[in-house]
Amino acid sequence: MPTLKNKSAPAQQKARVRRIIDRLEKAHPDARLDLDFANPLELLIALILAAQARDDLVRQITPDLFNKYRTPEDYAKAPLAELEQQIGKINFYRNKAKAIHNCCAALLARFGGKVPNNLEDLISLPGVGRKTANIVLGNGFGRQTIGVDTHVMRLSQRLGFTDKIDPDKVEADLMAFVPDTQRVRFCHLVQYHGRRICVAKKPKCPECTIRGLCPYPAKTKT
């Protein structure tokens, strides 16, 4: 991880972020949140399922799940054994079935069956942390938030935007540099770049479109 002791001035960092976003847009124009959903409830459920699971596996499960359960009441009234069977291909499916059940029961009891559109209420729901809440706000309600997943954290560290390992502190560092109109897009681009090029064990630095803007000291040589 590059040190931040000689970190560039904020104005220079902001300019570098903009250049990075521009280059990643050309490299990954198809970048998006890799989950299928039609409304904030479906997004919330998909994110609970996606914890420590592959997005492609979540996408296999959600069509039938969303067709069968359409409202928080549907999930809350469903027997846990039924929910477990419906999502049985996902790891930790028993815990996730319980989390979905409890979350939807809380939506009914406290929010009239609506997914709340603010951070404080979202993180008060069972099974919902700050990352999930930010992704719901950004992708379900159009807010400019930053959800710090493994890719966002790893690339932000390699790019020298943060030296933190706590996701909340990484988010705070990024909020200072990422343009307030491009925060959700930044996350999508970084996630795709992290999957395709800046992978964890051996990043494909010779193929990287932003290698000249990256101070990562352990770059892979040509």
C-alpha atoms as a PDB file:
ATOM      1  CA  MET A   1       0.000   0.000   0.000  1.00  0.00           C
ATOM      2  CA  PRO A   2       1.471   3.415  -0.930  1.00  0.00           C
ATOM      3  CA  THR A   3       2.108   5.769   1.950  1.00  0.00           C
ATOM      4  CA  LEU A   4       0.077   8.939   2.313  1.00  0.00           C
ATOM      5  CA  LYS A   5       2.743  10.875   4.223  1.00  0.00           C
ATOM      6  CA  ASN A   6       3.484  12.981   1.147  1.00  0.00           C
ATOM      7  CA  LYS A   7      -0.082  12.946  -0.098  1.00  0.00           C
ATOM      8  CA  SER A   8      -0.868  15.448  -2.850  1.00  0.00           C
ATOM      9  CA  ALA A   9      -2.811  18.570  -2.044  1.00  0.00           C
ATOM     10  CA  PRO A  10      -6.591  18.044  -2.134  1.00  0.00           C
ATOM     11  CA  ALA A  11      -6.973  20.013  -5.381  1.00  0.00           C
ATOM     12  CA  GLN A  12      -4.366  17.811  -7.077  1.00  0.00           C
ATOM     13  CA  GLN A  13      -5.989  14.653  -5.745  1.00  0.00           C
ATOM     14  CA  LYS A  14      -9.374  15.769  -7.044  1.00  0.00           C
ATOM     15  CA  ALA A  15      -7.885  16.435 -10.463  1.00  0.00           C
ATOM     16  CA  ARG A  16      -6.236  13.002 -10.459  1.00  0.00           C
ATOM     17  CA  VAL A  17      -9.533  11.330  -9.521  1.00  0.00           C
ATOM     18  CA  ARG A  18     -11.222  13.020 -12.478  1.00  0.00           C
ATOM     19  CA  ARG A  19      -8.524  11.786 -14.851  1.00  0.00           C
ATOM     20  CA  ILE A  20      -8.834   8.295 -13.411  1.00  0.00           C
ATOM     21  CA  ILE A  21     -12.609   8.324 -13.854  1.00  0.00           C
ATOM     22  CA  ASP A  22     -12.267   9.539 -17.463  1.00  0.00           C
ATOM     23  CA  ARG A  23      -9.839   6.751 -18.338  1.00  0.00           C
ATOM     24  CA  LEU A  24     -11.849   4.063 -16.572  1.00  0.00           C
ATOM     25  CA  GLU A  25     -14.992   5.206 -18.413  1.00  0.00           C
ATOM     26  CA  LYS A  26     -13.230   4.433 -21.699  1.00  0.00           C
ATOM     27  CA  ALA A  27     -11.918   1.114 -20.412  1.00  0.00           C
ATOM     28  CA  HIS A  28     -15.147  -0.071 -18.761  1.00  0.00           C
ATOM     29  CA  PRO A  29     -18.142   1.678 -20.369  1.00  0.00           C
ATOM     30  CA  ASP A  30     -20.319  -1.267 -19.327  1.00  0.00           C
ATOM     31  CA  ALA A  31     -19.587  -0.842 -15.608  1.00  0.00           C
ATOM     32  CA  ARG A  32     -22.671  -1.206 -13.442  1.00  0.00           C
ATOM     33  CA  LEU A  33     -23.829  -2.722 -10.185  1.00  0.00           C
ATOM     34  CA  ASP A  34     -23.705  -6.447 -10.951  1.00  0.00           C
ATOM     35  CA  LEU A  35     -27.043  -7.260  -9.365  1.00  0.00           C
ATOM     36  CA  ASP A  36     -30.482  -7.360 -11.008  1.00  0.00           C
ATOM     37  CA  PHE A  37     -33.298  -5.459  -9.308  1.00  0.00           C
ATOM     38  CA  ALA A  38     -36.350  -3.376 -10.177  1.00  0.00           C
ATOM     39  CA  ASN A  39     -36.875  -1.414  -6.945  1.00  0.00           C
ATOM     40  CA  PRO A  40     -35.153  -0.609  -3.624  1.00  0.00           C
ATOM     41  CA  LEU A  41     -36.630  -3.667  -1.877  1.00  0.00           C
ATOM     42  CA  GLU A  42     -35.243  -6.047  -4.482  1.00  0.00           C
ATOM     43  CA  LEU A  43     -31.876  -4.309  -4.274  1.00  0.00           C
ATOM     44  CA  LEU A  44     -31.846  -4.600  -0.486  1.00  0.00           C
ATOM     45  CA  ILE A  45     -32.638  -8.318  -0.626  1.00  0.00           C
ATOM     46  CA  ALA A  46     -30.024  -8.912  -3.341  1.00  0.00           C
ATOM     47  CA  LEU A  47     -27.369  -7.149  -1.262  1.00  0.00           C
ATOM     48  CA  ILE A  48     -28.148  -9.256   1.810  1.00  0.00           C
ATOM     49  CA  LEU A  49     -27.722 -12.339  -0.377  1.00  0.00           C
ATOM     50  CA  ALA A  50     -24.507 -10.989  -1.913  1.00  0.00           C
ATOM     51  CA  ALA A  51     -22.577 -10.797   1.366  1.00  0.00           C
ATOM     52  CA  GLN A  52     -19.548 -13.103   0.931  1.00  0.00           C
ATOM     53  CA  ALA A  53     -21.115 -14.546  -2.222  1.00  0.00           C
ATOM     54  CA  ARG A  54     -20.524 -14.134  -5.952  1.00  0.00           C
ATOM     55  CA  ASP A  55     -22.784 -11.689  -7.727  1.00  0.00           C
ATOM     56  CA  ASP A  56     -23.376 -14.127 -10.588  1.00  0.00           C
ATOM     57  CA  LEU A  57     -24.761 -16.694  -8.129  1.00  0.00           C
ATOM     58  CA  VAL A  58     -27.063 -14.054  -6.632  1.00  0.00           C
ATOM     59  CA  ARG A  59     -28.307 -13.232 -10.138  1.00  0.00           C
ATOM     60  CA  GLN A  60     -29.202 -16.898 -10.647  1.00  0.00           C
ATOM     61  CA  ILE A  61     -31.374 -16.947  -7.533  1.00  0.00           C
ATOM     62  CA  THR A  62     -33.132 -13.581  -7.559  1.00  0.00           C
ATOM     63  CA  PRO A  63     -35.454 -13.948 -10.602  1.00  0.00           C
ATOM     64  CA  ASP A  64     -37.485 -16.762  -9.009  1.00  0.00           C
ATOM     65  CA  LEU A  65     -37.162 -15.193  -5.556  1.00  0.00           C
ATOM     66  CA  PHE A  66     -38.461 -11.797  -6.696  1.00  0.00           C
ATOM     67  CA  ASN A  67     -41.257 -13.420  -8.665  1.00  0.00           C
ATOM     68  CA  LYS A  68     -42.466 -15.324  -5.610  1.00  0.00           C
ATOM     69  CA  TYR A  69     -41.979 -12.616  -2.953  1.00  0.00           C
ATOM     70  CA  ARG A  70     -42.954  -9.112  -4.041  1.00  0.00           C
ATOM     71  CA  THR A  71     -43.454  -7.197  -0.793  1.00  0.00           C
ATOM     72  CA  PRO A  72     -41.879  -7.089   2.676  1.00  0.00           C
ATOM     73  CA  GLU A  73     -45.006  -8.816   3.960  1.00  0.00           C
ATOM     74  CA  ASP A  74     -44.398 -11.739   1.596  1.00  0.00           C
ATOM     75  CA  TYR A  75     -40.922 -12.270   3.056  1.00  0.00           C
ATOM     76  CA  ALA A  76     -41.968 -11.680   6.657  1.00  0.00           C
ATOM     77  CA  LYS A  77     -44.856 -14.150   6.471  1.00  0.00           C
ATOM     78  CA  ALA A  78     -42.899 -16.867   4.662  1.00  0.00           C
ATOM     79  CA  PRO A  79     -41.737 -19.750   6.864  1.00  0.00           C
ATOM     80  CA  LEU A  80     -37.990 -19.670   7.374  1.00  0.00           C
ATOM     81  CA  ALA A  81     -37.662 -23.201   5.983  1.00  0.00           C
ATOM     82  CA  GLU A  82     -39.333 -22.031   2.779  1.00  0.00           C
ATOM     83  CA  LEU A  83     -37.004 -19.052   2.427  1.00  0.00           C
ATOM     84  CA  GLU A  84     -34.009 -21.268   3.134  1.00  0.00           C
ATOM     85  CA  GLN A  85     -35.057 -23.652   0.383  1.00  0.00           C
ATOM     86  CA  GLN A  86     -35.551 -20.761  -2.041  1.00  0.00           C
ATOM     87  CA  ILE A  87     -32.009 -19.418  -1.501  1.00  0.00           C
ATOM     88  CA  GLY A  88     -30.300 -22.718  -0.682  1.00  0.00           C
ATOM     89  CA  LYS A  89     -27.608 -22.313  -3.364  1.00  0.00           C
ATOM     90  CA  ILE A  90     -26.155 -19.283  -1.553  1.00  0.00           C
ATOM     91  CA  ASN A  91     -23.532 -19.699   1.163  1.00  0.00           C
ATOM     92  CA  PHE A  92     -24.754 -18.987   4.697  1.00  0.00           C
ATOM     93  CA  TYR A  93     -28.289 -19.371   3.356  1.00  0.00           C
ATOM     94  CA  ARG A  94     -29.793 -20.059   6.783  1.00  0.00           C
ATOM     95  CA  ASN A  95     -28.381 -16.842   8.263  1.00  0.00           C
ATOM     96  CA  LYS A  96     -29.367 -14.889   5.177  1.00  0.00           C
ATOM     97  CA  ALA A  97     -32.921 -16.240   5.224  1.00  0.00           C
ATOM     98  CA  LYS A  98     -33.213 -15.117   8.842  1.00  0.00           C
ATOM     99  CA  ALA A  99     -31.729 -11.702   7.999  1.00  0.00           C
ATOM    100  CA  ILE A 100     -34.177 -11.197   5.115  1.00  0.00           C
ATOM    101  CA  HIS A 101     -37.106 -12.288   7.291  1.00  0.00           C
ATOM    102  CA  ASN A 102     -36.145  -9.998  10.175  1.00  0.00           C
ATOM    103  CA  CYS A 103     -35.316  -7.069   7.902  1.00  0.00           C
ATOM    104  CA  CYS A 104     -38.682  -7.235   6.163  1.00  0.00           C
ATOM    105  CA  ALA A 105     -40.499  -7.620   9.481  1.00  0.00           C
ATOM    106  CA  ALA A 106     -38.770  -4.418  10.620  1.00  0.00           C
ATOM    107  CA  LEU A 107     -39.779  -2.649   7.405  1.00  0.00           C
ATOM    108  CA  LEU A 108     -43.404  -3.526   8.145  1.00  0.00           C
ATOM    109  CA  ALA A 109     -43.271  -2.654  11.828  1.00  0.00           C
ATOM    110  CA  ARG A 110     -41.349   0.620  11.588  1.00  0.00           C
ATOM    111  CA  PHE A 111     -41.496   1.976   8.048  1.00  0.00           C
ATOM    112  CA  GLY A 112     -44.899   1.035   6.689  1.00  0.00           C
ATOM    113  CA  GLY A 113     -43.425  -1.596   4.410  1.00  0.00           C
ATOM    114  CA  LYS A 114     -41.218   0.942   2.607  1.00  0.00           C
ATOM    115  CA  VAL A 115     -37.439   0.802   2.283  1.00  0.00           C
ATOM    116  CA  PRO A 116     -36.220   3.982   4.026  1.00  0.00           C
ATOM    117  CA  ASN A 117     -34.246   6.476   1.956  1.00  0.00           C
ATOM    118  CA  ASN A 118     -31.808   7.685   4.596  1.00  0.00           C
ATOM    119  CA  LEU A 119     -28.670   6.163   6.064  1.00  0.00           C
ATOM    120  CA  GLU A 120     -29.659   6.186   9.729  1.00  0.00           C
ATOM    121  CA  ASP A 121     -32.879   4.246   9.184  1.00  0.00           C
ATOM    122  CA  LEU A 122     -31.295   1.790   6.758  1.00  0.00           C
ATOM    123  CA  ILE A 123     -28.448   0.813   9.074  1.00  0.00           C
ATOM    124  CA  SER A 124     -30.974   0.262  11.872  1.00  0.00           C
ATOM    125  CA  LEU A 125     -32.449  -2.660   9.910  1.00  0.00           C
ATOM    126  CA  PRO A 126     -31.340  -6.222  10.753  1.00  0.00           C
ATOM    127  CA  GLY A 127     -28.641  -7.443   8.376  1.00  0.00           C
ATOM    128  CA  VAL A 128     -27.919  -3.993   6.922  1.00  0.00           C
ATOM    129  CA  GLY A 129     -24.524  -2.363   7.432  1.00  0.00           C
ATOM    130  CA  ARG A 130     -23.183   0.937   6.203  1.00  0.00           C
ATOM    131  CA  LYS A 131     -21.851  -0.470   2.906  1.00  0.00           C
ATOM    132  CA  THR A 132     -25.204  -2.038   2.055  1.00  0.00           C
ATOM    133  CA  ALA A 133     -27.063   1.114   3.068  1.00  0.00           C
ATOM    134  CA  ASN A 134     -24.858   3.303   0.878  1.00  0.00           C
ATOM    135  CA  ILE A 135     -25.301   1.002  -2.116  1.00  0.00           C
ATOM    136  CA  VAL A 136     -29.082   1.053  -1.640  1.00  0.00           C
ATOM    137  CA  LEU A 137     -29.070   4.849  -1.421  1.00  0.00           C
ATOM    138  CA  GLY A 138     -26.788   5.247  -4.416  1.00  0.00           C
ATOM    139  CA  ASN A 139     -28.332   2.673  -6.752  1.00  0.00           C
ATOM    140  CA  GLY A 140     -31.902   2.538  -5.480  1.00  0.00           C
ATOM    141  CA  PHE A 141     -32.554   6.189  -4.659  1.00  0.00           C
ATOM    142  CA  GLY A 142     -30.069   8.070  -6.841  1.00  0.00           C
ATOM    143  CA  ARG A 143     -28.007   9.484  -3.978  1.00  0.00           C
ATOM    144  CA  GLN A 144     -24.303  10.160  -4.501  1.00  0.00           C
ATOM    145  CA  THR A 145     -22.846   7.734  -1.969  1.00  0.00           C
ATOM    146  CA  ILE A 146     -19.768   5.524  -1.786  1.00  0.00           C
ATOM    147  CA  GLY A 147     -20.182   1.864  -0.857  1.00  0.00           C
ATOM    148  CA  VAL A 148     -16.805   0.454   0.172  1.00  0.00           C
ATOM    149  CA  ASP A 149     -16.564  -3.152  -0.973  1.00  0.00           C
ATOM    150  CA  THR A 150     -13.326  -5.138  -1.327  1.00  0.00           C
ATOM    151  CA  HIS A 151     -12.543  -3.717  -4.778  1.00  0.00           C
ATOM    152  CA  VAL A 152     -13.162  -0.106  -3.783  1.00  0.00           C
ATOM    153  CA  MET A 153     -10.990  -0.539  -0.704  1.00  0.00           C
ATOM    154  CA  ARG A 154      -8.126  -2.330  -2.467  1.00  0.00           C
ATOM    155  CA  LEU A 155      -7.897   0.075  -5.407  1.00  0.00           C
ATOM    156  CA  SER A 156      -8.286   3.161  -3.224  1.00  0.00           C
ATOM    157  CA  GLN A 157      -5.324   1.952  -1.168  1.00  0.00           C
ATOM    158  CA  ARG A 158      -3.219   1.163  -4.224  1.00  0.00           C
ATOM    159  CA  LEU A 159      -4.049   4.535  -5.788  1.00  0.00           C
ATOM    160  CA  GLY A 160      -2.977   6.315  -2.617  1.00  0.00           C
ATOM    161  CA  PHE A 161      -6.364   7.789  -1.764  1.00  0.00           C
ATOM    162  CA  THR A 162      -6.396   6.151   1.667  1.00  0.00           C
ATOM    163  CA  ASP A 163      -4.203   4.140   3.993  1.00  0.00           C
ATOM    164  CA  LYS A 164      -7.133   3.038   6.147  1.00  0.00           C
ATOM    165  CA  ILE A 165      -8.438  -0.506   6.501  1.00  0.00           C
ATOM    166  CA  ASP A 166     -11.726   0.401   8.200  1.00  0.00           C
ATOM    167  CA  PRO A 167     -14.402   0.763   5.488  1.00  0.00           C
ATOM    168  CA  ASP A 168     -16.028   3.760   7.194  1.00  0.00           C
ATOM    169  CA  LYS A 169     -12.714   5.607   7.270  1.00  0.00           C
ATOM    170  CA  VAL A 170     -11.992   4.667   3.639  1.00  0.00           C
ATOM    171  CA  GLU A 171     -15.389   6.108   2.726  1.00  0.00           C
ATOM    172  CA  ALA A 172     -14.598   9.340   4.560  1.00  0.00           C
ATOM    173  CA  ASP A 173     -11.258   9.689   2.739  1.00  0.00           C
ATOM    174  CA  LEU A 174     -12.860   9.089  -0.653  1.00  0.00           C
ATOM    175  CA  MET A 175     -15.653  11.578  -0.001  1.00  0.00           C
ATOM    176  CA  ALA A 176     -12.982  14.286   0.198  1.00  0.00           C
ATOM    177  CA  PHE A 177     -11.636  13.559  -3.301  1.00  0.00           C
ATOM    178  CA  VAL A 178     -14.299  11.939  -5.489  1.00  0.00           C
ATOM    179  CA  PRO A 179     -16.529  14.517  -7.246  1.00  0.00           C
ATOM    180  CA  ASP A 180     -19.902  14.694  -5.535  1.00  0.00           C
ATOM    181  CA  THR A 181     -21.686  14.037  -8.845  1.00  0.00           C
ATOM    182  CA  GLN A 182     -19.668  10.897  -9.674  1.00  0.00           C
ATOM    183  CA  ARG A 183     -19.412   8.905  -6.465  1.00  0.00           C
ATOM    184  CA  VAL A 184     -21.683   6.039  -7.492  1.00  0.00           C
ATOM    185  CA  ARG A 185     -20.079   5.906 -10.932  1.00  0.00           C
ATOM    186  CA  PHE A 186     -16.615   5.900  -9.364  1.00  0.00           C
ATOM    187  CA  CYS A 187     -17.566   2.808  -7.364  1.00  0.00           C
ATOM    188  CA  HIS A 188     -18.903   0.973 -10.425  1.00  0.00           C
ATOM    189  CA  LEU A 189     -15.786   1.764 -12.468  1.00  0.00           C
ATOM    190  CA  VAL A 190     -13.392   0.795  -9.686  1.00  0.00           C
ATOM    191  CA  GLN A 191     -15.273  -2.463  -9.072  1.00  0.00           C
ATOM    192  CA  TYR A 192     -15.009  -3.474 -12.737  1.00  0.00           C
ATOM    193  CA  HIS A 193     -11.368  -2.445 -12.911  1.00  0.00           C
ATOM    194  CA  GLY A 194     -10.699  -4.453  -9.758  1.00  0.00           C
ATOM    195  CA  ARG A 195     -12.280  -7.563 -11.257  1.00  0.00           C
ATOM    196  CA  ARG A 196     -10.719  -7.281 -14.703  1.00  0.00           C
ATOM    197  CA  ILE A 197      -7.315  -5.630 -14.284  1.00  0.00           C
ATOM    198  CA  CYS A 198      -6.337  -4.591 -10.748  1.00  0.00           C
ATOM    199  CA  VAL A 199      -6.897  -8.033  -9.278  1.00  0.00           C
ATOM    200  CA  ALA A 200      -5.794  -8.836  -5.752  1.00  0.00           C
ATOM    201  CA  LYS A 201      -2.852 -11.229  -6.122  1.00  0.00           C
ATOM    202  CA  LYS A 202      -1.163 -10.165  -9.351  1.00  0.00           C
ATOM    203  CA  PRO A 203      -2.569  -6.958 -10.862  1.00  0.00           C
ATOM    204  CA  LYS A 204      -2.284  -6.691 -14.644  1.00  0.00           C
ATOM    205  CA  CYS A 205      -0.370  -3.419 -14.481  1.00  0.00           C
ATOM    206  CA  PRO A 206       1.010  -3.563 -18.056  1.00  0.00           C
ATOM    207  CA  GLU A 207      -2.603  -3.623 -19.313  1.00  0.00           C
ATOM    208  CA  CYS A 208      -3.808  -0.889 -16.932  1.00  0.00           C
ATOM    209  CA  THR A 209      -5.162   2.299 -18.439  1.00  0.00           C
ATOM    210  CA  ILE A 210      -4.433   4.266 -15.252  1.00  0.00           C
ATOM    211  CA  ARG A 211      -0.972   2.864 -14.485  1.00  0.00           C
ATOM    212  CA  GLY A 212       0.619   6.306 -15.016  1.00  0.00           C
ATOM    213  CA  LEU A 213      -1.692   7.756 -12.353  1.00  0.00           C
ATOM    214  CA  CYS A 214      -1.065   4.989  -9.834  1.00  0.00           C
ATOM    215  CA  PRO A 215       1.713   5.129  -7.188  1.00  0.00           C
ATOM    216  CA  TYR A 216       1.352   1.461  -6.158  1.00  0.00           C
ATOM    217  CA  PRO A 217       4.927   0.351  -5.415  1.00  0.00           C
ATOM    218  CA  ALA A 218       4.419  -3.349  -6.173  1.00  0.00           C
ATOM    219  CA  LYS A 219       3.328  -2.936  -9.777  1.00  0.00           C
ATOM    220  CA  THR A 220       3.529  -5.987 -11.982  1.00  0.00           C
ATOM    221  CA  LYS A 221       6.338  -5.561 -14.510  1.00  0.00           C
ATOM    222  CA  THR A 222       5.921  -6.091 -18.242  1.00  0.00           C
END
